[in-house]
């Protein structure tokens, strides 16, 4: 089991309440809330994953500041998220042998 029931419920509660909060918050907080959820998930599963996945979870996902927003540094923020996406994609390709040419 990757998540305990309590961890899963906490993450579920965070996502549901974040969705509700987004109705009243500035749209730029959406990516911040999703990244916070990803960081929480990474924290929960890090002790239970392979060394390769642990390196991913302790790396770029955790290096985007929790207070970062698009308005402070739009290019830097996008670059940080692009890095996380690229590193995650590379990890998935290495782990599952996904053929990049396949569609």
Protein backbone atom coordinates (compact mmCIF):
# COMPACT_ATOMS: atom_id res chain seq x y z
CA UNK A 1 0.00 0.00 0.00
CA UNK A 2 1.46 3.34 -1.00
CA UNK A 3 -0.82 5.51 1.17
CA UNK A 4 -2.45 4.79 4.47
CA UNK A 5 -6.15 5.51 4.71
CA UNK A 6 -5.44 8.57 6.89
CA UNK A 7 -2.89 9.93 4.40
CA UNK A 8 -5.30 9.41 1.51
CA UNK A 9 -8.13 11.12 3.40
CA UNK A 10 -5.91 14.08 4.27
CA UNK A 11 -4.88 14.48 0.63
CA UNK A 12 -8.49 14.09 -0.50
CA UNK A 13 -9.63 16.73 1.99
CA UNK A 14 -6.89 19.10 0.81
CA UNK A 15 -7.86 18.69 -2.84
CA UNK A 16 -11.59 19.10 -2.24
CA UNK A 17 -11.19 22.16 -0.02
CA UNK A 18 -8.64 23.65 -2.44
CA UNK A 19 -11.18 23.25 -5.24
CA UNK A 20 -13.77 25.12 -3.18
CA UNK A 21 -11.28 27.81 -2.17
CA UNK A 22 -10.43 28.40 -5.84
CA UNK A 23 -13.93 29.75 -6.39
CA UNK A 24 -13.04 32.76 -4.24
CA UNK A 25 -9.28 33.07 -4.81
CA UNK A 26 -7.21 34.50 -7.60
CA UNK A 27 -6.73 32.00 -10.42
CA UNK A 28 -2.95 32.10 -10.01
CA UNK A 29 -3.27 30.12 -6.79
CA UNK A 30 -4.55 27.05 -8.69
CA UNK A 31 -1.10 25.82 -9.78
CA UNK A 32 0.24 26.55 -6.28
CA UNK A 33 -2.45 24.40 -4.68
CA UNK A 34 -1.87 21.54 -7.12
CA UNK A 35 1.87 21.66 -6.51
CA UNK A 36 1.29 21.67 -2.74
CA UNK A 37 -0.86 18.54 -3.13
CA UNK A 38 1.89 16.91 -5.22
CA UNK A 39 4.46 17.79 -2.57
CA UNK A 40 2.27 16.31 0.17
CA UNK A 41 1.75 13.14 -1.83
CA UNK A 42 5.50 12.91 -2.42
CA UNK A 43 6.11 13.27 1.30
CA UNK A 44 3.71 10.46 2.10
CA UNK A 45 5.04 7.96 -0.41
CA UNK A 46 8.78 8.70 -0.29
CA UNK A 47 9.50 6.12 2.44
CA UNK A 48 7.70 3.39 0.46
CA UNK A 49 9.13 3.75 -3.06
CA UNK A 50 12.17 2.65 -5.02
CA UNK A 51 15.43 4.60 -4.66
CA UNK A 52 14.97 6.03 -8.17
CA UNK A 53 11.48 7.32 -7.41
CA UNK A 54 12.67 8.61 -4.02
CA UNK A 55 15.32 10.71 -5.80
CA UNK A 56 12.60 12.18 -8.02
CA UNK A 57 10.30 12.92 -5.09
CA UNK A 58 13.05 14.56 -3.05
CA UNK A 59 14.31 16.55 -6.03
CA UNK A 60 12.60 19.09 -8.28
CA UNK A 61 9.09 18.56 -6.89
CA UNK A 62 10.25 19.80 -3.50
CA UNK A 63 12.41 22.62 -4.89
CA UNK A 64 9.55 24.80 -6.14
CA UNK A 65 8.87 27.12 -3.19
CA UNK A 66 5.44 26.70 -1.64
CA UNK A 67 4.98 30.46 -1.78
CA UNK A 68 5.94 30.79 -5.46
CA UNK A 69 3.34 32.34 -7.71
CA UNK A 70 3.23 33.19 -11.36
CA UNK A 71 2.93 36.94 -10.73
CA UNK A 72 6.24 37.23 -8.84
CA UNK A 73 8.39 35.70 -11.61
CA UNK A 74 6.29 34.37 -14.49
CA UNK A 75 9.19 33.00 -16.52
CA UNK A 76 10.99 31.49 -13.53
CA UNK A 77 7.80 29.91 -12.21
CA UNK A 78 6.99 28.37 -15.58
CA UNK A 79 10.58 27.15 -15.93
CA UNK A 80 10.39 25.51 -12.49
CA UNK A 81 7.19 23.68 -13.39
CA UNK A 82 8.62 22.74 -16.80
CA UNK A 83 11.61 21.19 -15.04
CA UNK A 84 9.38 19.16 -12.73
CA UNK A 85 7.33 17.94 -15.72
CA UNK A 86 10.46 17.03 -17.69
CA UNK A 87 12.11 15.17 -14.81
CA UNK A 88 8.89 13.29 -14.05
CA UNK A 89 8.47 12.34 -17.72
CA UNK A 90 12.08 11.12 -17.90
CA UNK A 91 11.52 9.04 -14.77
CA UNK A 92 8.38 7.46 -16.23
CA UNK A 93 10.15 6.67 -19.50
CA UNK A 94 13.04 5.05 -17.62
CA UNK A 95 10.76 3.13 -15.27
CA UNK A 96 8.21 1.86 -17.77
CA UNK A 97 10.23 1.85 -20.98
CA UNK A 98 7.72 4.06 -22.72
CA UNK A 99 8.55 4.53 -26.38
CA UNK A 100 8.66 8.27 -27.02
CA UNK A 101 7.59 7.70 -30.62
CA UNK A 102 4.47 5.77 -29.63
CA UNK A 103 1.16 7.57 -29.58
